[in-house]
N, C-alpha and C. Protein backbone atom coordinates (compact mmCIF):
# COMPACT_ATOMS: atom_id res chain seq x y z
N MET A 1 1.33 -1.50 0.11
CA MET A 1 0.00 -0.02 0.42
C MET A 1 0.93 1.13 -0.18
N SER A 2 0.66 1.99 -0.76
CA SER A 2 1.56 3.90 -1.04
C SER A 2 0.86 4.34 0.34
N TYR A 3 1.71 5.24 0.37
CA TYR A 3 1.60 6.27 1.73
C TYR A 3 2.32 7.87 1.09
N THR A 4 1.83 8.35 0.97
CA THR A 4 1.90 9.94 0.56
C THR A 4 1.61 10.78 1.87
N LYS A 5 2.07 12.23 2.69
CA LYS A 5 1.52 13.14 3.62
C LYS A 5 1.86 14.51 2.54
N ILE A 6 1.31 14.92 2.23
CA ILE A 6 1.76 16.01 1.16
C ILE A 6 0.63 16.96 1.33
N MET A 7 1.49 17.90 2.75
CA MET A 7 0.47 19.57 2.86
C MET A 7 0.65 20.22 2.25
N VAL A 8 -0.30 21.18 1.78
CA VAL A 8 -0.69 22.66 1.00
C VAL A 8 -1.91 23.14 1.76
N HIS A 9 -0.85 24.53 1.69
CA HIS A 9 -1.66 25.44 1.61
C HIS A 9 -2.06 26.19 0.86
N ALA A 10 -3.59 26.07 0.95
CA ALA A 10 -3.67 27.21 -0.69
C ALA A 10 -4.58 27.93 -0.17
N VAL A 11 -4.93 29.07 -0.90
CA VAL A 11 -5.72 30.17 -1.10
C VAL A 11 -6.04 30.72 -2.38
N TRP A 12 -7.23 31.20 -2.09
CA TRP A 12 -7.97 31.13 -3.77
C TRP A 12 -9.42 32.50 -3.07
N GLY A 13 -9.51 33.36 -3.57
CA GLY A 13 -10.16 34.27 -3.53
C GLY A 13 -11.34 34.61 -4.29
N THR A 14 -12.37 35.92 -4.19
CA THR A 14 -13.57 35.85 -4.37
C THR A 14 -13.21 36.55 -6.04
N LYS A 15 -14.02 36.42 -6.75
CA LYS A 15 -14.07 36.94 -8.54
C LYS A 15 -14.35 38.73 -8.29
N ARG A 16 -12.86 39.52 -8.78
CA ARG A 16 -12.95 40.94 -8.71
C ARG A 16 -12.70 41.03 -6.75
N ARG A 17 -12.23 40.31 -5.93
CA ARG A 17 -12.28 40.36 -4.62
C ARG A 17 -13.25 40.79 -4.32
N TYR A 18 -14.86 40.39 -4.55
CA TYR A 18 -16.07 40.70 -4.16
C TYR A 18 -16.10 40.22 -2.70
N PRO A 19 -16.18 41.04 -1.45
CA PRO A 19 -15.96 40.94 -0.42
C PRO A 19 -17.80 40.03 -0.01
N PHE A 20 -18.15 38.68 -0.49
CA PHE A 20 -18.85 37.99 -0.41
C PHE A 20 -19.12 37.26 0.50
N ILE A 21 -18.38 36.88 1.60
CA ILE A 21 -18.15 36.20 2.63
C ILE A 21 -18.17 36.82 3.90
N THR A 22 -18.93 36.69 4.63
CA THR A 22 -19.65 37.79 5.81
C THR A 22 -19.08 37.04 6.54
N LYS A 23 -19.17 37.96 7.90
CA LYS A 23 -18.48 37.03 9.44
C LYS A 23 -20.08 35.73 9.58
N ASP A 24 -21.01 36.11 9.04
CA ASP A 24 -22.66 35.41 9.32
C ASP A 24 -22.06 33.74 8.57
N ILE A 25 -22.02 34.27 7.61
CA ILE A 25 -21.85 33.35 6.72
C ILE A 25 -21.00 32.37 6.40
N ARG A 26 -19.55 32.83 6.75
CA ARG A 26 -18.24 32.22 6.49
C ARG A 26 -18.08 31.24 7.25
N PRO A 27 -18.82 30.76 9.15
CA PRO A 27 -18.82 29.37 9.33
C PRO A 27 -19.56 28.23 8.28
N ILE A 28 -20.66 28.73 7.89
CA ILE A 28 -21.49 27.94 7.25
C ILE A 28 -20.59 27.58 5.76
N ILE A 29 -20.21 28.46 4.99
CA ILE A 29 -19.57 28.08 4.37
C ILE A 29 -17.72 27.08 4.11
N ILE A 30 -17.37 27.40 5.05
CA ILE A 30 -16.25 26.33 6.15
C ILE A 30 -16.88 25.22 6.19
N ASN A 31 -17.63 25.17 6.88
CA ASN A 31 -18.62 23.87 7.23
C ASN A 31 -18.85 22.97 5.77
N HIS A 32 -19.24 23.52 5.14
CA HIS A 32 -19.59 22.76 3.69
C HIS A 32 -18.81 22.56 2.93
N ILE A 33 -17.51 23.13 3.10
CA ILE A 33 -16.52 23.16 2.48
C ILE A 33 -15.81 21.96 2.59
N LYS A 34 -15.83 21.41 4.01
CA LYS A 34 -14.97 20.68 4.49
C LYS A 34 -15.77 19.18 4.30
N ASN A 35 -17.17 18.80 4.70
CA ASN A 35 -18.21 18.16 4.02
C ASN A 35 -17.91 17.88 2.91
N ASN A 36 -17.82 18.47 2.08
CA ASN A 36 -17.52 17.78 0.61
C ASN A 36 -16.75 17.43 0.36
N ALA A 37 -15.52 18.24 1.40
CA ALA A 37 -14.15 17.32 0.84
C ALA A 37 -13.88 16.37 1.59
N ALA A 38 -14.54 16.11 2.89
CA ALA A 38 -14.60 15.12 3.16
C ALA A 38 -14.75 13.35 1.83
N SER A 39 -16.02 14.30 1.92
CA SER A 39 -16.72 13.11 0.68
C SER A 39 -16.16 12.74 -0.32
N LYS A 40 -14.91 13.47 -1.01
CA LYS A 40 -14.40 13.39 -1.89
C LYS A 40 -12.71 12.45 -1.57
N GLY A 41 -12.56 12.61 -0.78
CA GLY A 41 -11.27 11.99 -0.19
C GLY A 41 -10.12 13.32 0.43
N ILE A 42 -10.50 14.37 0.46
CA ILE A 42 -9.55 15.16 0.79
C ILE A 42 -10.03 15.89 1.99
N TYR A 43 -8.84 15.50 2.40
CA TYR A 43 -8.47 16.04 4.58
C TYR A 43 -8.43 17.17 4.43
N ILE A 44 -9.03 18.23 5.16
CA ILE A 44 -9.00 19.58 5.31
C ILE A 44 -7.97 19.59 6.68
N ASP A 45 -7.21 20.02 6.86
CA ASP A 45 -6.55 20.20 8.56
C ASP A 45 -6.92 21.42 9.03
N THR A 46 -7.25 22.69 8.34
CA THR A 46 -7.45 23.77 8.52
C THR A 46 -8.23 24.50 8.04
N ILE A 47 -9.40 25.47 8.20
CA ILE A 47 -9.85 26.06 7.10
C ILE A 47 -10.24 27.06 7.41
N ASN A 48 -9.96 28.60 6.75
CA ASN A 48 -10.74 29.69 7.48
C ASN A 48 -10.57 31.20 6.29
N GLY A 49 -11.11 31.97 6.01
CA GLY A 49 -10.96 32.60 5.44
C GLY A 49 -11.54 34.41 6.31
N TYR A 50 -11.62 35.14 5.20
CA TYR A 50 -11.82 36.59 5.42
C TYR A 50 -13.25 36.95 4.02
N ASN A 51 -13.59 38.52 4.12
CA ASN A 51 -14.60 38.78 3.68
C ASN A 51 -14.29 38.26 2.06
N ASP A 52 -13.11 38.00 1.09
CA ASP A 52 -12.74 37.85 -0.12
C ASP A 52 -11.78 36.47 -0.05
N HIS A 53 -11.72 35.68 0.56
CA HIS A 53 -10.62 34.68 0.35
C HIS A 53 -10.53 33.99 1.42
N MET A 54 -10.21 32.51 1.23
CA MET A 54 -10.17 31.55 1.90
C MET A 54 -8.89 30.92 1.82
N HIS A 55 -8.01 30.41 2.79
CA HIS A 55 -7.05 29.75 3.21
C HIS A 55 -7.16 28.40 3.78
N CYS A 56 -6.49 27.67 2.84
CA CYS A 56 -7.31 25.77 2.87
C CYS A 56 -5.67 25.02 3.52
N LEU A 57 -5.63 24.22 4.58
CA LEU A 57 -4.36 23.48 5.08
C LEU A 57 -5.10 22.40 4.54
N MET A 58 -4.47 21.39 3.68
CA MET A 58 -4.96 20.20 3.29
C MET A 58 -3.89 18.95 2.93
N ASP A 59 -4.31 18.01 3.30
CA ASP A 59 -3.25 16.66 2.64
C ASP A 59 -4.02 16.25 1.30
N LEU A 60 -2.58 16.51 0.70
CA LEU A 60 -2.47 16.23 -0.87
C LEU A 60 -3.54 14.59 -1.20
N ASN A 61 -4.34 14.71 -1.23
CA ASN A 61 -4.84 12.77 -1.85
C ASN A 61 -4.23 13.09 -3.43
N GLN A 62 -4.29 11.28 -2.99
CA GLN A 62 -3.21 10.78 -3.72
C GLN A 62 -3.82 10.55 -5.31
N GLU A 63 -5.17 10.59 -5.17
CA GLU A 63 -5.97 10.74 -6.43
C GLU A 63 -6.26 12.05 -7.16
N TYR A 64 -5.33 12.68 -6.63
CA TYR A 64 -5.96 14.46 -7.07
C TYR A 64 -4.85 15.32 -7.00
N SER A 65 -4.64 16.16 -8.57
CA SER A 65 -3.33 16.75 -8.14
C SER A 65 -3.77 18.25 -7.34
N ILE A 66 -2.60 19.01 -7.41
CA ILE A 66 -3.49 20.32 -6.32
C ILE A 66 -4.59 21.07 -7.31
N GLY A 67 -4.45 21.41 -8.27
CA GLY A 67 -5.38 22.36 -9.14
C GLY A 67 -6.76 21.34 -9.16
N LYS A 68 -6.57 19.85 -9.22
CA LYS A 68 -8.44 19.14 -9.38
C LYS A 68 -8.59 19.20 -7.71
N SER A 69 -7.99 19.49 -6.99
CA SER A 69 -8.86 19.19 -5.46
C SER A 69 -8.87 20.85 -5.36
N ILE A 70 -8.30 22.09 -5.96
CA ILE A 70 -9.37 23.10 -5.25
C ILE A 70 -10.05 23.20 -6.20
N GLN A 71 -10.22 22.80 -7.49
CA GLN A 71 -11.20 23.00 -8.36
C GLN A 71 -12.12 21.93 -8.12
N LEU A 72 -12.28 21.07 -7.36
CA LEU A 72 -13.26 20.36 -6.79
C LEU A 72 -13.59 21.02 -5.21
N LEU A 73 -12.96 21.74 -4.62
CA LEU A 73 -13.48 22.49 -3.47
C LEU A 73 -13.78 23.81 -4.01
N LYS A 74 -13.65 24.63 -4.70
CA LYS A 74 -13.60 26.10 -5.40
C LYS A 74 -15.58 25.71 -5.80
N GLY A 75 -15.19 24.91 -7.41
CA GLY A 75 -16.74 24.64 -8.03
C GLY A 75 -17.68 23.89 -7.22
N GLU A 76 -17.52 23.17 -6.40
CA GLU A 76 -18.74 22.46 -5.90
C GLU A 76 -19.33 23.63 -4.71
N SER A 77 -18.92 24.62 -4.18
CA SER A 77 -18.93 25.43 -3.18
C SER A 77 -19.47 26.48 -3.85
N ALA A 78 -19.27 27.20 -5.05
CA ALA A 78 -19.95 27.90 -5.53
C ALA A 78 -21.39 27.63 -5.94
N PHE A 79 -21.36 26.17 -6.44
CA PHE A 79 -22.32 25.83 -6.85
C PHE A 79 -23.83 26.08 -5.61
N TRP A 80 -23.39 25.29 -4.64
CA TRP A 80 -23.96 25.18 -3.00
C TRP A 80 -23.91 26.74 -2.83
N ILE A 81 -23.31 27.46 -2.68
CA ILE A 81 -23.51 28.89 -2.38
C ILE A 81 -24.58 29.53 -2.94
N ASN A 82 -24.69 29.47 -4.65
CA ASN A 82 -25.86 29.82 -5.06
C ASN A 82 -27.31 29.38 -4.84
N LYS A 83 -26.90 27.72 -4.84
CA LYS A 83 -27.89 26.94 -4.60
C LYS A 83 -28.78 27.60 -3.63
N GLU A 84 -28.04 27.35 -2.35
CA GLU A 84 -28.73 28.08 -1.06
C GLU A 84 -28.87 29.27 -0.56
N LYS A 85 -28.69 30.35 -2.09
CA LYS A 85 -28.96 31.92 -2.06
C LYS A 85 -28.04 32.35 -0.93
N LEU A 86 -26.89 32.02 -0.50
CA LEU A 86 -26.35 32.82 0.92
C LEU A 86 -25.85 33.99 1.10
N THR A 87 -26.01 34.85 -0.56
CA THR A 87 -25.65 35.52 -1.03
C THR A 87 -26.42 36.52 -1.76
N ARG A 88 -26.29 37.68 -1.68
CA ARG A 88 -27.42 38.70 -2.49
C ARG A 88 -27.24 38.56 -3.84
N LEU A 89 -25.96 38.32 -3.88
CA LEU A 89 -25.40 38.74 -6.12
C LEU A 89 -25.12 37.03 -5.94
N LYS A 90 -24.94 37.20 -7.33
CA LYS A 90 -24.12 35.94 -7.67
C LYS A 90 -23.03 35.51 -6.95
N PHE A 91 -22.41 34.40 -6.58
CA PHE A 91 -21.29 34.23 -5.93
C PHE A 91 -20.57 33.50 -6.87
N GLU A 92 -19.11 33.83 -7.21
CA GLU A 92 -18.00 33.12 -8.24
C GLU A 92 -16.40 33.42 -7.52
N TRP A 93 -15.95 32.39 -7.01
CA TRP A 93 -14.41 32.56 -6.93
C TRP A 93 -13.73 32.78 -8.23
N SER A 94 -12.82 33.29 -8.01
CA SER A 94 -11.38 33.59 -9.11
C SER A 94 -10.84 32.71 -9.58
N ASN A 95 -10.06 32.51 -10.79
CA ASN A 95 -9.80 31.06 -11.44
C ASN A 95 -8.68 31.10 -10.56
N GLU A 96 -7.61 32.17 -10.05
CA GLU A 96 -6.39 32.30 -9.62
C GLU A 96 -6.60 31.52 -8.59
N TYR A 97 -5.48 30.53 -8.16
CA TYR A 97 -5.26 30.59 -6.70
C TYR A 97 -3.75 30.46 -6.39
N TYR A 98 -3.75 30.11 -5.11
CA TYR A 98 -1.80 29.93 -4.01
C TYR A 98 -1.50 29.05 -3.66
N ALA A 99 -0.69 28.15 -4.02
CA ALA A 99 -0.95 26.99 -3.35
C ALA A 99 0.56 26.64 -3.29
N VAL A 100 1.09 26.20 -1.76
CA VAL A 100 2.45 25.82 -1.84
C VAL A 100 2.88 24.68 -0.33
N SER A 101 3.90 24.00 -1.10
CA SER A 101 3.77 22.56 0.50
C SER A 101 4.16 23.30 1.49
N VAL A 102 4.06 22.44 2.84
CA VAL A 102 4.18 23.03 3.91
C VAL A 102 5.00 21.92 4.97
N ASP A 103 6.28 21.81 4.69
CA ASP A 103 6.89 21.04 5.65
C ASP A 103 6.33 20.23 6.91
N ALA A 104 6.82 19.49 7.44
CA ALA A 104 6.43 19.28 8.94
C ALA A 104 6.29 19.92 10.15
N GLN A 105 7.52 21.22 10.34
CA GLN A 105 8.18 21.83 11.36
C GLN A 105 7.24 23.06 10.53
N ASN A 106 6.36 23.28 10.05
CA ASN A 106 5.94 24.65 9.65
C ASN A 106 4.31 24.28 9.72
N ILE A 107 3.75 23.06 9.96
CA ILE A 107 2.38 22.76 10.19
C ILE A 107 1.79 23.78 11.24
N SER A 108 2.24 23.78 12.64
CA SER A 108 1.58 24.18 13.42
C SER A 108 1.40 25.83 13.15
N HIS A 109 2.35 26.70 12.66
CA HIS A 109 2.42 27.98 12.22
C HIS A 109 1.77 28.43 11.20
N THR A 110 1.60 27.62 9.93
CA THR A 110 0.76 27.82 9.57
C THR A 110 -1.06 27.38 9.84
N ARG A 111 -1.07 26.41 10.54
CA ARG A 111 -2.76 26.37 11.47
C ARG A 111 -3.30 27.75 12.01
N MET A 112 -2.00 28.03 12.68
CA MET A 112 -2.08 29.72 13.31
C MET A 112 -2.69 30.56 12.58
N TYR A 113 -1.86 30.44 11.58
CA TYR A 113 -1.96 31.59 10.51
C TYR A 113 -3.08 31.72 10.10
N ILE A 114 -3.91 30.65 9.50
CA ILE A 114 -5.24 30.30 9.26
C ILE A 114 -5.95 30.51 9.74
N GLN A 115 -6.12 30.38 11.19
CA GLN A 115 -7.13 29.85 11.93
C GLN A 115 -6.96 32.09 12.08
N GLY A 116 -6.04 33.03 11.87
CA GLY A 116 -6.48 34.14 12.84
C GLY A 116 -6.27 34.99 11.68
N GLN A 117 -6.90 34.48 10.87
CA GLN A 117 -6.93 35.50 9.60
C GLN A 117 -8.17 36.63 9.38
N GLU A 118 -8.76 36.71 11.02
CA GLU A 118 -9.32 38.07 11.04
C GLU A 118 -8.68 39.24 11.55
N VAL A 119 -8.22 38.54 12.51
CA VAL A 119 -7.06 39.61 13.28
C VAL A 119 -6.13 40.29 12.42
N HIS A 120 -5.65 39.20 11.57
CA HIS A 120 -4.40 39.50 10.49
C HIS A 120 -5.24 40.63 9.20
N HIS A 121 -5.89 40.37 8.84
CA HIS A 121 -6.80 41.40 8.05
C HIS A 121 -7.04 42.95 8.16
N GLN A 122 -7.22 42.94 9.73
CA GLN A 122 -7.71 44.29 10.06
C GLN A 122 -6.28 45.11 9.85
N ASN A 123 -5.34 44.69 9.33
CA ASN A 123 -3.91 45.12 9.26
C ASN A 123 -3.18 45.02 7.64
N ILE A 124 -4.21 43.84 7.18
CA ILE A 124 -3.34 43.80 5.69
C ILE A 124 -4.65 43.42 4.61
N SER A 125 -4.89 44.18 3.31
CA SER A 125 -6.10 43.63 2.39
C SER A 125 -5.50 42.02 1.61
N PHE A 126 -6.32 41.52 1.60
CA PHE A 126 -6.08 40.26 0.69
C PHE A 126 -5.29 40.66 -0.40
N GLN A 127 -4.92 41.43 -1.11
CA GLN A 127 -4.49 41.68 -2.16
C GLN A 127 -3.20 42.58 -2.04
N GLN A 128 -2.76 43.18 -0.55
CA GLN A 128 -1.80 43.36 0.07
C GLN A 128 -0.91 41.53 0.32
N GLU A 129 -1.67 41.15 0.55
CA GLU A 129 -1.51 39.68 1.34
C GLU A 129 -1.01 38.70 -0.12
N TYR A 130 -1.35 38.72 -0.75
CA TYR A 130 -1.23 37.89 -1.90
C TYR A 130 -0.17 38.42 -3.10
N ASP A 131 0.16 40.35 -2.83
CA ASP A 131 1.48 40.20 -3.69
C ASP A 131 2.67 39.83 -2.89
N GLU A 132 2.49 39.57 -1.24
CA GLU A 132 3.60 39.34 -0.38
C GLU A 132 3.80 38.06 -1.00
N LEU A 133 2.60 37.19 -1.30
CA LEU A 133 3.07 35.60 -1.16
C LEU A 133 3.90 35.47 -2.25
N MET A 134 3.56 36.72 -3.57
CA MET A 134 3.73 36.31 -4.69
C MET A 134 5.59 36.68 -4.62
N ARG A 135 5.57 37.33 -4.04
CA ARG A 135 7.27 38.13 -4.10
C ARG A 135 7.82 36.96 -3.35
N GLY A 136 7.49 35.93 -2.43
CA GLY A 136 7.89 34.95 -1.72
C GLY A 136 8.66 34.23 -2.55
N PHE A 137 7.83 33.67 -4.39
CA PHE A 137 8.62 33.31 -4.88
C PHE A 137 8.82 33.67 -6.03
N GLY A 138 9.09 35.14 -5.98
CA GLY A 138 10.15 35.57 -6.95
C GLY A 138 9.65 36.26 -8.20
N PHE A 139 8.07 36.82 -7.78
CA PHE A 139 7.13 36.91 -8.95
C PHE A 139 7.03 38.61 -8.77
């Protein structure tokens, strides 16, 4: 039997960074994404977000690439959010995402960072955060 343990920190935003994900519906969306992921064999360790984006620490499933895993989470959740009419306007995720592997020594730090999104974004916008992440990759 093969065994892999590849933890990925993925971040994706709403289309045009629209602040759809209010404090009231954020836990509902997070719970749905976790349940949907589990039904597809995708283990989500930690997930949280802010008004216009989500952070997710997940164990990469052997059957799915990073892109496929994120596509499954984003596509189904957008469909469900619209079906349930959780937002006044049509909900859409942006096409882009950020994903990076996380080594075992940084799992706890990554969890705390994801869990602290509301406090974190009192001082920095998602666009500023995204720009910093991309600079870390040399872009």
